[in-house]
Protein backbone atom coordinates (compact mmCIF):
# COMPACT_ATOMS: atom_id res chain seq x y z
CA MET A 1 0.00 0.00 0.00
CA PRO A 2 1.44 3.40 -0.92
CA PRO A 3 2.49 5.44 2.12
CA GLU A 4 0.04 8.26 1.37
CA ILE A 5 -2.92 5.90 1.32
CA ALA A 6 -1.65 4.06 4.39
CA THR A 7 -1.48 7.36 6.28
CA VAL A 8 -5.06 8.24 5.34
CA VAL A 9 -6.36 4.79 6.27
CA GLU A 10 -4.43 4.84 9.54
CA GLY A 11 -5.91 8.26 10.30
CA ALA A 12 -9.37 6.89 9.59
CA GLY A 13 -8.78 4.09 12.10
CA ILE A 14 -7.65 6.55 14.75
CA PHE A 15 -10.61 8.81 13.99
CA LEU A 16 -13.03 5.90 14.40
CA SER A 17 -11.41 4.82 17.67
CA LEU A 18 -11.74 8.34 19.04
CA SER A 19 -15.30 8.54 17.70
CA SER A 20 -16.14 5.42 19.65
CA VAL A 21 -14.85 6.94 22.88
CA LEU A 22 -16.74 10.13 22.11
CA ALA A 23 -19.93 8.12 21.44
CA ILE A 24 -19.58 6.47 24.85
CA VAL A 25 -18.99 9.76 26.69
CA ILE A 26 -21.77 11.70 24.94
CA GLY A 27 -24.15 8.74 25.07
CA LEU A 28 -23.49 8.24 28.78
CA LEU A 29 -24.10 11.93 29.48
CA VAL A 30 -27.36 11.94 27.52
CA VAL A 31 -28.62 8.67 29.01
CA PHE A 32 -27.62 9.67 32.54
CA GLY A 33 -29.21 13.11 32.12
CA ASN A 34 -32.39 11.43 30.94
CA TYR A 35 -32.21 9.07 33.93
CA VAL A 36 -31.93 11.96 36.39
CA TYR A 37 -34.83 13.77 34.71
CA GLN A 38 -36.99 10.64 34.82
CA PHE A 39 -35.88 9.87 38.37
CA LEU A 40 -37.60 13.07 39.45
CA SER A 41 -40.85 12.29 37.63
CA LEU A 42 -41.04 8.46 37.78
CA SER A 43 -40.32 5.89 40.42
CA PRO A 44 -36.63 5.04 40.97
CA ASP A 45 -37.25 1.47 39.81
CA GLU A 46 -38.93 2.55 36.58
CA SER A 47 -36.23 5.11 35.77
CA PHE A 48 -33.49 2.54 36.33
CA ARG A 49 -35.39 -0.04 34.24
CA ARG A 50 -35.33 2.45 31.35
CA PHE A 51 -31.71 3.50 32.00
CA LYS A 52 -30.08 0.08 31.56
CA PRO A 53 -31.26 -0.72 28.01
CA ARG A 54 -30.50 2.80 26.82
CA LEU A 55 -26.97 2.60 28.15
CA ALA A 56 -26.59 -0.85 26.58
CA ARG A 57 -27.59 0.58 23.18
CA VAL A 58 -24.93 3.29 23.51
CA LEU A 59 -22.30 0.66 24.25
CA ILE A 60 -23.45 -1.50 21.32
CA VAL A 61 -22.96 1.40 18.90
CA ALA A 62 -19.53 2.17 20.38
CA LEU A 63 -18.47 -1.48 20.09
CA GLU A 64 -19.54 -1.61 16.45
CA ILE A 65 -17.46 1.49 15.70
CA LEU A 66 -14.49 -0.07 17.52
CA VAL A 67 -14.73 -3.26 15.46
CA VAL A 68 -14.55 -1.20 12.25
CA ALA A 69 -11.60 0.79 13.65
CA ASP A 70 -9.78 -2.44 14.57
CA ILE A 71 -10.28 -3.86 11.09
CA ILE A 72 -8.95 -0.69 9.48
CA GLU A 73 -5.98 -0.46 11.86
CA THR A 74 -5.10 -4.12 11.28
CA LEU A 75 -5.11 -3.61 7.53
CA THR A 76 -2.74 -0.65 7.73
CA VAL A 77 0.04 -2.57 9.48
CA ASP A 78 1.93 -5.44 7.96
CA VAL A 79 -0.64 -8.20 7.85
CA THR A 80 0.64 -11.30 9.62
CA PHE A 81 -1.06 -14.36 11.02
CA GLU A 82 -0.54 -12.92 14.49
CA SER A 83 -2.25 -9.63 13.64
CA LEU A 84 -5.12 -11.46 11.93
CA ALA A 85 -5.47 -13.81 14.92
CA ALA A 86 -5.53 -10.82 17.28
CA LEU A 87 -8.15 -9.13 15.10
CA GLY A 88 -10.22 -12.31 15.02
CA LEU A 89 -10.07 -12.59 18.80
CA LEU A 90 -11.07 -8.93 19.23
CA VAL A 91 -14.00 -9.34 16.86
CA ILE A 92 -15.16 -12.48 18.70
CA VAL A 93 -14.97 -10.80 22.11
CA ARG A 94 -16.67 -7.63 20.93
CA THR A 95 -19.36 -9.60 19.11
CA TRP A 96 -20.08 -11.55 22.28
CA LEU A 97 -20.26 -8.28 24.24
CA SER A 98 -22.64 -6.85 21.63
CA TRP A 99 -24.87 -9.90 21.90
CA THR A 100 -25.01 -9.76 25.69
CA LEU A 101 -25.70 -6.03 25.57
CA GLU A 102 -28.45 -6.70 23.03
CA LEU A 103 -29.90 -9.22 25.46
CA GLU A 104 -29.81 -6.53 28.16
CA ALA A 105 -31.30 -3.84 25.93
CA GLU A 106 -33.97 -5.81 24.11
CA GLY A 107 -34.54 -8.79 26.41
CA ARG A 108 -33.73 -11.24 23.60
CA TRP A 109 -30.75 -12.54 21.65
CA PRO A 110 -30.08 -10.80 18.31
CA TRP A 111 -31.17 -13.83 16.29
CA GLN A 112 -34.50 -14.18 18.11
CA PRO A 113 -37.56 -12.51 16.58
CA ALA A 114 -38.68 -9.23 18.13
CA ARG A 115 -41.46 -9.42 20.66
CA GLU A 116 -44.73 -7.90 19.62
CA GLU A 117 -45.75 -4.99 21.83
């Protein structure tokens, strides 16, 4: 890969990693602010019941962005079996985290059909 393109792609990976952190921070502030607002108008149990899935959704989005950033960053370095194995392990761990967060947020696994309201 030409050095100019590698620099741009590497910058994109760094940008996405930072975007993921920013998504977590902003999402946490918004969700927590909403929780405090609802805490004053609803029961503490109901506000916390709404808080957990919203926070889980924020983390799911951030994890998805991180997976893309990891793929890009792995492709910009010299691709070796070790770097591909590390990427594979990261994707597996983050996918599992996304699934468990989905279970927390939606009350079902991602492959299960949505419940009818």
